[in-house]
Protein backbone atom coordinates (compact mmCIF):
# COMPACT_ATOMS: atom_id res chain seq x y z
CA MET A 1 -41.02 6.21 10.32
CA VAL A 2 -38.22 7.06 12.74
CA ASP A 3 -38.75 8.29 16.26
CA VAL A 4 -35.63 10.48 16.31
CA GLU A 5 -34.00 12.17 13.29
CA VAL A 6 -30.25 11.72 12.96
CA PHE A 7 -28.41 14.73 11.56
CA ASP A 8 -24.82 13.81 10.71
CA THR A 9 -22.32 16.67 10.66
CA THR A 10 -19.12 14.63 10.21
CA LEU A 11 -18.40 16.38 6.90
CA ARG A 12 -18.77 19.83 8.42
CA ASP A 13 -18.27 19.94 12.20
CA GLY A 14 -16.27 16.71 12.18
CA THR A 15 -13.66 18.15 9.81
CA GLN A 16 -12.92 20.85 12.39
CA ARG A 17 -11.04 18.23 14.41
CA GLU A 18 -7.27 18.65 14.38
CA GLY A 19 -5.70 16.17 11.96
CA VAL A 20 -8.80 15.67 9.80
CA SER A 21 -8.75 16.93 6.23
CA LEU A 22 -11.15 15.53 3.64
CA SER A 23 -11.14 16.23 -0.07
CA ALA A 24 -14.41 16.76 -1.91
CA ALA A 25 -14.09 13.18 -3.20
CA ASP A 26 -13.55 11.91 0.35
CA LYS A 27 -16.66 13.75 1.49
CA LEU A 28 -18.71 12.22 -1.29
CA ARG A 29 -17.56 8.69 -0.38
CA ILE A 30 -18.51 9.20 3.25
CA ALA A 31 -21.81 10.86 2.34
CA GLU A 32 -22.75 7.91 0.14
CA ARG A 33 -21.98 5.51 2.98
CA LEU A 34 -24.06 7.59 5.43
CA ASP A 35 -26.90 7.60 2.93
CA GLN A 36 -26.75 3.80 2.80
CA LEU A 37 -26.86 3.68 6.59
CA GLY A 38 -30.04 5.72 6.54
CA VAL A 39 -29.40 8.90 8.52
CA ALA A 40 -31.99 11.61 7.89
CA PHE A 41 -29.59 14.50 7.15
CA ILE A 42 -25.97 14.81 5.98
CA GLU A 43 -24.45 18.25 6.50
CA GLY A 44 -21.90 18.59 3.73
CA GLY A 45 -20.15 21.83 4.64
CA TRP A 46 -20.35 25.61 4.30
CA PRO A 47 -20.57 26.46 0.57
CA GLY A 48 -19.79 30.12 1.14
CA SER A 49 -16.58 29.47 3.06
CA ASN A 50 -14.23 27.56 0.73
CA PRO A 51 -13.99 26.12 -2.82
CA LYS A 52 -13.79 22.51 -1.60
CA ASP A 53 -17.23 22.65 0.00
CA ALA A 54 -18.64 24.40 -3.06
CA GLU A 55 -17.25 21.54 -5.18
CA PHE A 56 -18.83 18.98 -2.87
CA PHE A 57 -22.30 20.49 -3.30
CA ALA A 58 -21.87 20.79 -7.06
CA ARG A 59 -20.96 17.09 -7.30
CA ALA A 60 -23.64 16.10 -4.79
CA ARG A 61 -26.29 17.59 -7.06
CA GLU A 62 -25.31 15.08 -9.73
CA ARG A 63 -26.02 12.11 -7.46
CA SER A 64 -29.22 10.44 -6.40
CA TRP A 65 -29.58 10.22 -2.62
CA GLN A 66 -31.80 7.38 -1.46
CA ARG A 67 -32.44 8.07 2.21
CA ALA A 68 -30.69 11.21 3.41
CA ALA A 69 -31.16 14.87 2.61
CA ILE A 70 -27.92 16.74 1.85
CA VAL A 71 -27.70 19.91 3.94
CA ALA A 72 -25.77 23.12 3.27
CA PHE A 73 -24.61 25.08 6.31
CA GLY A 74 -24.34 28.82 6.87
CA ALA A 75 -24.84 31.74 9.22
CA THR A 76 -27.47 34.42 9.66
CA ARG A 77 -27.14 37.56 7.58
CA ARG A 78 -24.60 40.17 8.57
CA ALA A 79 -25.64 42.91 10.96
CA GLY A 80 -27.04 45.93 9.17
CA ALA A 81 -27.46 44.16 5.81
CA ARG A 82 -30.43 42.70 3.96
CA ALA A 83 -30.63 38.91 3.73
CA ALA A 84 -31.17 39.14 -0.03
CA ASP A 85 -27.88 41.05 -0.39
CA ASP A 86 -25.78 38.69 1.76
CA ALA A 87 -23.22 36.86 -0.42
CA SER A 88 -22.93 33.99 2.07
CA LEU A 89 -26.67 33.38 1.98
CA ARG A 90 -26.68 33.57 -1.79
CA ALA A 91 -23.97 30.87 -1.89
CA LEU A 92 -26.13 28.82 0.45
CA VAL A 93 -29.09 29.08 -1.92
CA ASP A 94 -26.91 28.31 -4.93
CA ALA A 95 -25.67 25.10 -3.29
CA GLY A 96 -28.91 23.59 -4.51
CA THR A 97 -29.88 21.58 -1.43
CA ARG A 98 -33.48 21.17 -0.33
CA VAL A 99 -32.44 21.64 3.29
CA VAL A 100 -30.22 24.30 4.83
CA SER A 101 -28.88 24.66 8.34
CA ILE A 102 -28.36 28.16 9.77
CA PHE A 103 -26.70 29.13 13.01
CA GLY A 104 -27.39 32.26 14.99
CA LYS A 105 -26.46 33.69 18.36
CA SER A 106 -28.36 32.91 21.58
CA TRP A 107 -25.86 34.29 24.09
CA THR A 108 -25.75 38.01 24.82
CA LEU A 109 -21.97 37.77 25.21
CA HIS A 110 -21.67 36.81 21.55
CA VAL A 111 -24.30 39.27 20.37
CA GLU A 112 -22.69 42.29 22.00
CA ARG A 113 -18.98 41.42 22.03
CA VAL A 114 -18.47 39.08 19.06
CA LEU A 115 -21.05 40.32 16.54
CA ARG A 116 -20.87 43.84 18.07
CA THR A 117 -24.51 44.52 17.44
CA THR A 118 -27.66 45.07 19.45
CA ARG A 119 -29.94 42.43 20.87
CA GLU A 120 -32.80 43.67 18.72
CA GLU A 121 -30.74 43.51 15.52
CA ASN A 122 -29.64 39.95 16.34
CA LEU A 123 -33.29 38.89 16.67
CA ALA A 124 -34.03 40.51 13.31
CA MET A 125 -31.02 38.77 11.73
CA ILE A 126 -32.33 35.39 12.86
CA GLU A 127 -35.94 35.87 11.80
CA GLU A 128 -35.19 37.55 8.47
CA THR A 129 -32.56 34.99 7.47
CA VAL A 130 -34.86 32.05 8.12
CA ALA A 131 -37.75 33.79 6.36
CA PHE A 132 -35.56 34.61 3.33
CA LEU A 133 -34.46 30.99 2.97
CA ARG A 134 -38.00 29.74 3.37
CA ALA A 135 -39.04 32.13 0.59
CA GLN A 136 -36.37 30.47 -1.58
CA GLY A 137 -38.15 27.15 -1.08
CA LYS A 138 -35.72 25.77 1.49
CA ARG A 139 -36.43 23.66 4.53
CA VAL A 140 -34.61 25.39 7.37
CA ILE A 141 -32.98 23.84 10.43
CA TYR A 142 -31.94 26.55 12.85
CA ASP A 143 -28.95 25.96 15.16
CA ALA A 144 -29.21 28.08 18.30
CA GLU A 145 -25.50 28.43 18.96
CA HIS A 146 -24.43 28.63 22.62
CA PHE A 147 -28.07 28.23 23.68
CA PHE A 148 -27.37 26.69 27.09
CA ASP A 149 -24.70 29.26 28.02
CA GLY A 150 -27.01 32.01 26.78
CA TRP A 151 -29.97 30.59 28.71
CA ARG A 152 -27.96 30.59 31.94
CA ALA A 153 -26.83 34.18 31.31
CA ASP A 154 -30.20 35.62 30.20
CA ALA A 155 -32.97 33.06 29.91
CA ALA A 156 -35.57 35.43 28.46
CA TYR A 157 -33.30 36.60 25.65
CA ALA A 158 -32.13 33.08 24.77
CA ILE A 159 -35.76 31.98 24.43
CA ALA A 160 -36.51 35.09 22.35
CA THR A 161 -33.91 34.00 19.79
CA LEU A 162 -35.69 30.65 19.43
CA GLU A 163 -39.01 32.41 18.97
CA ALA A 164 -37.47 34.58 16.24
CA ALA A 165 -36.38 31.47 14.35
CA ALA A 166 -39.83 29.95 14.75
CA ARG A 167 -41.51 33.11 13.41
CA GLY A 168 -39.22 32.96 10.40
CA GLY A 169 -40.43 29.45 9.61
CA ALA A 170 -37.72 27.08 10.89
CA GLU A 171 -38.99 23.49 10.89
CA THR A 172 -36.46 22.35 13.50
CA ILE A 173 -34.74 24.40 16.18
CA VAL A 174 -31.57 22.84 17.52
CA LEU A 175 -30.30 23.76 20.97
CA CYS A 176 -26.51 23.83 20.86
CA ASP A 177 -24.13 23.24 23.75
CA THR A 178 -21.38 24.79 21.66
CA ASN A 179 -18.76 25.06 24.40
CA GLY A 180 -19.54 21.51 25.53
CA GLY A 181 -19.53 22.33 29.23
CA SER A 182 -23.13 21.68 30.24
CA LEU A 183 -24.22 18.73 32.35
CA PRO A 184 -27.08 16.34 31.56
CA TRP A 185 -29.60 17.80 34.02
CA GLN A 186 -28.88 21.32 32.74
CA ILE A 187 -29.52 20.12 29.19
CA ALA A 188 -32.81 18.49 30.22
CA ASP A 189 -33.99 21.65 31.99
CA GLY A 190 -33.12 23.81 28.97
CA VAL A 191 -34.96 21.53 26.55
CA ARG A 192 -38.09 21.52 28.72
CA VAL A 193 -38.11 25.31 28.96
CA ALA A 194 -37.62 25.68 25.20
CA ALA A 195 -40.37 23.15 24.48
CA ALA A 196 -42.81 25.00 26.74
CA ALA A 197 -42.03 28.33 25.06
CA LEU A 198 -42.29 27.08 21.46
CA GLY A 199 -45.20 24.69 21.76
CA ASP A 200 -45.87 21.75 19.44
CA GLY A 201 -45.34 23.50 16.11
CA VAL A 202 -41.54 23.19 16.03
CA ARG A 203 -39.35 20.10 16.38
CA LEU A 204 -36.54 20.50 18.92
CA GLY A 205 -33.05 19.16 18.38
CA ILE A 206 -29.78 18.88 20.29
CA HIS A 207 -26.20 19.59 19.19
CA ALA A 208 -23.73 18.70 21.95
CA HIS A 209 -19.97 19.02 22.11
CA ASP A 210 -17.86 16.84 24.39
CA ASP A 211 -15.60 19.27 26.24
CA GLY A 212 -16.93 18.12 29.62
CA GLY A 213 -17.03 14.47 28.58
CA CYS A 214 -20.84 14.51 28.49
CA GLY A 215 -21.61 14.86 24.78
CA VAL A 216 -23.43 11.54 24.47
CA ALA A 217 -25.09 11.80 27.89
CA ASN A 218 -26.26 15.34 27.13
CA THR A 219 -27.74 14.18 23.83
CA LEU A 220 -29.66 11.37 25.53
CA SER A 221 -30.88 13.75 28.25
CA ALA A 222 -32.19 16.11 25.59
CA VAL A 223 -34.09 13.30 23.91
CA ARG A 224 -35.62 12.17 27.19
CA ALA A 225 -36.71 15.78 27.76
CA GLY A 226 -38.44 15.95 24.36
CA ALA A 227 -35.89 16.55 21.60
CA ARG A 228 -36.53 14.45 18.50
CA HIS A 229 -33.61 15.52 16.34
CA VAL A 230 -30.00 14.69 17.29
CA GLN A 231 -26.82 16.05 15.74
CA GLY A 232 -23.38 14.51 16.01
CA THR A 233 -20.48 13.00 14.12
CA ILE A 234 -19.20 9.53 13.33
CA ASN A 235 -16.49 8.60 15.87
CA GLY A 236 -17.21 11.81 17.80
CA TRP A 237 -14.90 13.96 15.67
CA GLY A 238 -15.12 17.71 15.96
CA GLU A 239 -13.66 20.95 17.24
CA ARG A 240 -11.52 20.72 20.40
CA CYS A 241 -12.71 17.58 22.24
CA GLY A 242 -15.22 16.65 19.55
CA ASN A 243 -18.97 16.31 19.13
CA ALA A 244 -21.47 13.82 20.46
CA ASN A 245 -20.42 10.48 19.02
CA LEU A 246 -23.19 9.09 16.80
CA CYS A 247 -21.59 5.65 17.07
CA ALA A 248 -22.72 5.68 20.70
CA VAL A 249 -25.78 7.94 20.45
CA ILE A 250 -27.54 5.85 17.79
CA PRO A 251 -27.26 2.45 19.52
CA ASP A 252 -28.07 4.04 22.88
CA LEU A 253 -31.28 5.45 21.42
CA GLU A 254 -32.27 2.27 19.58
CA LEU A 255 -31.12 -0.41 22.03
CA LYS A 256 -31.48 1.35 25.38
CA LEU A 257 -34.34 3.80 24.87
CA GLY A 258 -36.23 1.86 22.22
CA LEU A 259 -36.36 4.80 19.79
CA ARG A 260 -35.92 4.08 16.09
CA CYS A 261 -33.25 6.19 14.36
CA LEU A 262 -32.28 4.10 11.32
CA PRO A 263 -33.98 1.73 8.88
CA THR A 264 -34.46 -1.83 10.08
CA GLY A 265 -31.18 -3.75 10.10
CA ALA A 266 -28.97 -0.70 9.51
CA LEU A 267 -27.60 -0.69 13.06
CA MET A 268 -25.53 -3.78 12.21
CA GLU A 269 -23.51 -1.66 9.76
CA LEU A 270 -22.33 0.79 12.42
CA THR A 271 -18.96 -0.80 13.26
CA GLU A 272 -17.98 -1.12 9.61
CA LEU A 273 -19.04 2.49 8.98
CA SER A 274 -16.89 3.76 11.85
CA ARG A 275 -13.84 2.00 10.43
CA PHE A 276 -14.64 3.11 6.89
CA VAL A 277 -14.73 6.78 7.89
CA CYS A 278 -11.38 6.38 9.69
CA ASP A 279 -9.87 4.71 6.63
CA VAL A 280 -11.01 7.51 4.31
CA ALA A 281 -9.56 10.12 6.67
CA ASN A 282 -6.37 8.05 7.09
CA LEU A 283 -6.82 7.93 10.86
CA ARG A 284 -6.67 4.97 13.21
CA GLN A 285 -9.97 4.06 14.84
CA ASP A 286 -10.04 4.40 18.62
CA ASP A 287 -10.06 0.77 19.77
CA HIS A 288 -11.84 1.70 22.98
CA MET A 289 -14.87 3.46 21.55
CA PRO A 290 -18.17 2.15 22.93
CA TYR A 291 -20.06 -0.25 20.69
CA VAL A 292 -17.81 -0.04 17.59
CA GLY A 293 -14.23 -0.11 18.92
CA ARG A 294 -12.12 -3.23 18.51
CA SER A 295 -11.90 -3.50 22.31
CA ALA A 296 -15.57 -2.72 22.99
CA PHE A 297 -16.28 -6.42 23.57
CA ALA A 298 -12.76 -7.64 24.34
CA HIS A 299 -12.19 -9.55 27.57
CA LYS A 300 -8.79 -9.77 29.24
CA GLY A 301 -9.41 -10.84 32.84
CA GLY A 302 -9.52 -14.59 33.25
CA VAL A 303 -12.58 -14.43 35.50
CA HIS A 304 -14.44 -12.44 32.86
CA VAL A 305 -13.55 -14.84 30.05
CA ALA A 306 -14.51 -17.89 32.12
CA ALA A 307 -17.86 -16.29 32.91
CA MET A 308 -18.43 -15.48 29.25
CA ARG A 309 -17.82 -19.12 28.30
CA ALA A 310 -20.33 -20.25 30.89
CA ALA A 311 -22.93 -17.60 30.07
CA PRO A 312 -22.46 -15.52 26.90
CA GLY A 313 -23.23 -11.91 27.72
CA ALA A 314 -22.15 -12.19 31.36
CA TYR A 315 -19.81 -9.24 30.84
CA GLU A 316 -21.43 -7.61 27.78
CA HIS A 317 -24.24 -5.08 27.87
CA ILE A 318 -25.53 -6.03 24.39
CA GLU A 319 -24.92 -8.72 21.81
CA PRO A 320 -21.97 -7.32 19.81
CA ALA A 321 -23.46 -8.49 16.51
CA ARG A 322 -26.32 -6.02 16.92
CA VAL A 323 -23.87 -3.23 16.01
CA GLY A 324 -21.73 -5.34 13.69
CA ASN A 325 -18.99 -6.02 16.24
CA GLY A 326 -17.80 -9.23 17.91
CA THR A 327 -16.52 -10.72 21.15
CA ARG A 328 -12.77 -11.21 21.61
CA ALA A 329 -10.60 -12.77 24.29
CA VAL A 330 -7.31 -10.97 24.97
CA VAL A 331 -4.38 -13.21 25.85
CA SER A 332 -2.13 -11.96 28.66
CA GLU A 333 -0.81 -12.91 32.09
CA LEU A 334 -4.21 -11.88 33.52
CA GLY A 335 -5.95 -14.69 31.65
CA GLY A 336 -6.64 -18.30 32.54
CA ARG A 337 -7.40 -21.58 30.83
CA ALA A 338 -10.75 -20.25 29.64
CA THR A 339 -8.96 -17.41 27.85
CA MET A 340 -6.90 -19.84 25.79
CA LEU A 341 -9.90 -22.04 25.02
CA THR A 342 -11.91 -19.01 23.89
CA LYS A 343 -9.04 -17.75 21.75
CA ALA A 344 -8.71 -21.22 20.21
CA ASP A 345 -12.41 -21.14 19.34
CA GLU A 346 -11.95 -17.71 17.70
CA HIS A 347 -9.22 -19.09 15.44
CA GLY A 348 -10.77 -22.50 14.85
CA VAL A 349 -7.85 -24.31 16.53
CA PRO A 350 -8.59 -27.58 18.39
CA LEU A 351 -7.10 -27.20 21.87
CA ALA A 352 -7.34 -29.60 24.79
CA ALA A 353 -8.04 -28.20 28.25
CA ASP A 354 -4.69 -29.46 29.58
CA ASP A 355 -2.83 -27.84 26.70
CA ALA A 356 -4.72 -24.59 27.34
CA ALA A 357 -3.63 -24.61 30.99
CA ALA A 358 -0.01 -25.29 30.01
CA LEU A 359 -0.08 -22.54 27.39
CA ILE A 360 -1.42 -19.88 29.73
CA GLY A 361 1.34 -20.81 32.20
CA HIS A 362 3.89 -20.46 29.41
CA ILE A 363 2.45 -17.07 28.42
CA LYS A 364 2.62 -15.80 31.99
CA ASP A 365 6.27 -16.83 32.19
CA ARG A 366 7.05 -15.13 28.87
CA GLU A 367 5.21 -11.93 29.82
CA ARG A 368 7.30 -11.78 32.97
CA ALA A 369 10.32 -11.97 30.63
CA GLY A 370 9.12 -8.98 28.59
CA PHE A 371 6.62 -10.35 26.07
CA ALA A 372 3.14 -8.79 25.71
CA PHE A 373 0.78 -10.86 23.60
CA GLU A 374 -2.25 -8.56 23.48
CA SER A 375 -1.20 -7.12 20.13
CA ALA A 376 0.39 -10.27 18.70
CA GLU A 377 -2.47 -12.64 18.04
CA ALA A 378 -0.62 -14.44 15.25
CA SER A 379 2.09 -15.49 17.72
CA VAL A 380 -0.61 -16.73 20.09
CA GLU A 381 -2.33 -18.71 17.33
CA LEU A 382 0.99 -20.32 16.40
CA MET A 383 1.59 -21.35 20.00
CA MET A 384 -1.81 -23.04 20.05
CA ARG A 385 -1.25 -24.82 16.73
CA ARG A 386 2.17 -26.06 17.86
CA THR A 387 0.51 -28.07 20.64
CA ALA A 388 -0.98 -30.45 18.04
CA ALA A 389 0.93 -33.72 17.78
CA ASP A 390 0.83 -33.59 13.98
CA TYR A 391 1.97 -29.96 13.61
CA VAL A 392 5.06 -29.72 11.43
CA PRO A 393 6.73 -26.29 11.27
CA PRO A 394 7.66 -25.22 7.74
CA PHE A 395 11.23 -24.51 8.88
CA ARG A 396 13.47 -24.82 11.94
CA LEU A 397 16.29 -22.50 12.87
CA ILE A 398 19.72 -24.05 13.27
CA GLY A 399 21.62 -20.79 13.67
CA TYR A 400 22.28 -17.30 12.36
CA ARG A 401 25.01 -14.67 12.37
CA VAL A 402 24.53 -10.93 11.76
CA THR A 403 27.38 -8.48 11.15
CA CYS A 404 27.28 -4.76 10.59
CA ALA A 405 30.19 -2.79 9.19
CA GLN A 406 30.85 0.82 8.23
CA GLN A 407 34.03 2.07 6.59
CA ASP A 408 35.44 5.35 5.28
CA GLY A 409 32.19 7.28 5.70
CA GLU A 410 30.19 4.90 3.53
CA GLU A 411 26.68 3.76 4.39
CA PRO A 412 26.66 0.96 6.99
CA LEU A 413 26.16 -2.50 5.49
CA THR A 414 24.58 -5.42 7.36
CA GLU A 415 25.02 -9.06 6.37
CA ALA A 416 23.06 -11.99 7.76
CA THR A 417 23.99 -15.64 7.30
CA LEU A 418 21.35 -18.19 8.16
CA MET A 419 21.22 -21.95 8.60
CA ILE A 420 17.75 -23.54 8.73
CA ASP A 421 16.16 -26.93 8.28
CA VAL A 422 13.43 -27.09 5.62
CA GLY A 423 11.74 -30.47 5.24
CA GLY A 424 14.81 -32.33 6.54
CA ARG A 425 17.26 -30.41 4.33
CA THR A 426 19.82 -28.07 5.86
CA LEU A 427 20.01 -24.81 3.93
CA HIS A 428 22.71 -22.17 4.36
CA THR A 429 21.96 -18.72 2.89
CA ALA A 430 23.17 -15.16 3.22
CA ALA A 431 21.85 -11.72 2.37
CA THR A 432 22.78 -8.09 2.87
CA GLY A 433 20.43 -5.34 3.95
CA CYS A 434 20.11 -1.86 5.37
CA GLY A 435 19.78 -3.31 8.88
CA PRO A 436 19.62 -6.62 10.72
CA VAL A 437 15.89 -7.19 10.18
CA HIS A 438 16.17 -6.48 6.45
CA ALA A 439 19.19 -8.77 6.12
CA LEU A 440 17.63 -11.61 8.13
CA ASP A 441 14.41 -11.31 6.15
CA GLY A 442 16.36 -11.53 2.89
CA ALA A 443 18.32 -14.58 4.00
CA LEU A 444 15.18 -16.35 5.23
CA ARG A 445 13.28 -15.67 2.02
CA ARG A 446 16.22 -16.89 -0.08
CA ALA A 447 16.12 -20.18 1.80
CA LEU A 448 12.35 -20.63 1.72
CA GLU A 449 11.26 -19.36 -1.71
CA PRO A 450 12.14 -22.56 -3.67
CA ALA A 451 9.86 -24.63 -1.41
CA PHE A 452 7.33 -21.91 -0.61
CA PRO A 453 7.03 -19.47 -3.55
CA GLN A 454 3.93 -17.92 -1.91
CA ILE A 455 6.26 -16.16 0.52
CA ALA A 456 6.84 -13.55 -2.18
CA ALA A 457 3.41 -12.06 -1.39
CA VAL A 458 4.25 -11.47 2.28
CA ARG A 459 5.35 -7.95 3.12
CA LEU A 460 6.53 -6.31 6.32
CA VAL A 461 4.04 -3.53 7.02
CA ASP A 462 5.32 -2.12 10.31
CA TYR A 463 8.09 -2.71 12.82
CA LYS A 464 7.84 -1.38 16.36
CA VAL A 465 10.47 -1.46 19.09
CA ARG A 466 9.91 -0.76 22.77
CA ILE A 467 12.27 -0.85 25.75
CA VAL A 468 10.51 -2.77 28.51
CA ASP A 469 12.42 -1.30 31.48
CA GLY A 470 14.48 1.81 30.81
CA ARG A 471 16.27 1.51 34.16
CA GLU A 472 18.47 -1.19 32.61
CA GLY A 473 19.72 1.23 29.97
CA THR A 474 21.17 -0.40 26.86
CA ALA A 475 20.94 -3.82 28.54
CA ALA A 476 17.16 -3.56 28.87
CA ILE A 477 14.82 -6.14 27.38
CA THR A 478 13.67 -5.01 23.95
CA ARG A 479 10.19 -5.89 22.71
CA VAL A 480 9.68 -6.06 18.94
CA LEU A 481 6.28 -6.15 17.23
CA VAL A 482 6.15 -6.99 13.53
CA ASP A 483 3.04 -6.26 11.44
CA ALA A 484 2.92 -8.09 8.13
CA GLY A 485 0.40 -8.79 5.38
CA ASP A 486 -0.11 -10.64 2.13
CA GLY A 487 -2.74 -8.48 0.46
CA ASP A 488 -5.67 -10.41 1.96
CA ARG A 489 -4.98 -9.98 5.63
CA ARG A 490 -2.66 -8.43 8.21
CA TRP A 491 -1.24 -10.05 11.32
CA SER A 492 1.12 -9.21 14.17
CA THR A 493 3.87 -11.24 15.84
CA LEU A 494 6.14 -10.61 18.80
CA GLY A 495 9.66 -11.10 20.08
CA ALA A 496 11.45 -10.01 23.25
CA SER A 497 15.07 -10.28 24.36
CA PRO A 498 17.90 -8.15 25.78
CA ASN A 499 19.37 -8.56 22.27
CA ILE A 500 17.38 -6.57 19.71
CA VAL A 501 18.52 -8.84 16.88
CA GLU A 502 17.22 -11.93 18.68
CA ALA A 503 13.92 -10.17 19.50
CA SER A 504 13.60 -9.18 15.86
CA TRP A 505 14.32 -12.71 14.65
CA GLN A 506 11.65 -14.17 16.97
CA ALA A 507 9.01 -11.78 15.63
CA LEU A 508 10.13 -12.16 12.00
CA ALA A 509 10.28 -15.97 12.12
CA ASP A 510 6.83 -16.17 13.71
CA SER A 511 5.45 -13.84 11.05
CA ILE A 512 6.77 -15.95 8.16
CA GLU A 513 5.74 -19.24 9.81
CA TYR A 514 2.24 -17.86 10.39
CA ALA A 515 1.93 -16.80 6.76
CA LEU A 516 3.04 -20.21 5.46
CA GLN A 517 0.85 -22.11 7.93
CA ARG A 518 -2.17 -19.99 7.00
CA ARG A 519 -1.66 -20.58 3.27
CA ALA A 520 -1.22 -24.32 3.87
CA SER A 521 -4.42 -24.48 5.93
CA ALA A 522 -6.35 -22.59 3.23
CA ALA A 523 -5.04 -24.93 0.52
CA ALA A 524 -5.98 -28.00 2.58
CA ALA A 525 -9.48 -26.63 3.11
CA VAL A 526 -9.94 -26.13 -0.64
CA ALA A 527 -8.63 -29.63 -1.40
CA SER A 528 -11.04 -31.21 1.06
């Protein structure tokens, strides 16, 4: 048994975020993953509003859901109409879900100026809609839209709308901070008043938006005041500034308040779920999200990292593994010897204390020259490995030349010639390309492929250029970040120089050396 029900509305309210568009197949993939996590309810969409949501519910009926109830969403009947004659309600019934979620108006402003009806008719719309759906055999969750704004404007009327839903037979009444502007103590007061008016027969819930930056705090305040049903979205997606972020709400409830929300052990899946939902939506996860972000347990300051080595948890409010995340040390000029030793531990690289101190000094010098190693962990790992007396680089640069020519309106053509040492042999190659990075990459591969055929699997994934100090104009230091991958993993390397070609070569050469070193290490591990 859970202490607090989790109602996930990522597939409905979450898709109202700008930049989010999910197909019916996408929705089904996310719903299946939420079902595995063990949330109580998954709101799939509004079947009466668009064909895509109707398709989702049709396909959802063909699946077996192990833990969650699929929920169809809709509104109260239209003013002046019978619930049985409302096409939107009929579509809601036809969606075939055991549970439906209905929203109605709590704020007189919306009743009189948006719906353009009377207060009495709005109360009838709420009660009759819930009663109609109950008569159809549905479990009904009623969302009291704009409850907190309505309660501040006319407390008696806002409470009357809740009582209408209760008379109709709603099993849960959810108090919505739809505009997202309430503060935690206002939420707590509103929940207590609603609980006193409704008594013990109805479960209270909370649906908070984040327009005032308090979505999670407001949700927790509601629970402390008596709510036992929480609504939100994965990663906090939603209209405008988003909804309460379930990736923070759930661990806060379980780890801070001691209230069970998910099946035993499910909390450890939260970080992976957050990233999965981002991947399906083709969005980048916010690295700085609490609990599940890549930087949630990342430590950059040298004092922090040293303290963490002495006492794990010294700068962490929970053990990261409890939510499926992990501790990281971030290498930069703000770090110290402990930072390098911790990073070496992360990568399984033996590193002496003296070498760590020398490396952090080297990094500080290079960051002053324009490098920034936070996003280039492969370059950092290579620097650590190069300190080993027995490290042999797969190749060594002797020299390169890059030329770019354009003639008679034709496309520009770049040629790179390269001289490198591979295993004691001097190789001289050349290649053309659509730019200096492409040409250098081609020349390097041509030289290395006979000795290292595995290089064929390595692909440049992204290439980013940044001017470090624009006051220097075209003479400014250029920072280049190369993202590459080989199908199994991705990594990032860095270069910086006033010459963009040299910066690009540094990042490219590190990327290829890292790939070859990693493959060699993996092969050695298998052989041993």
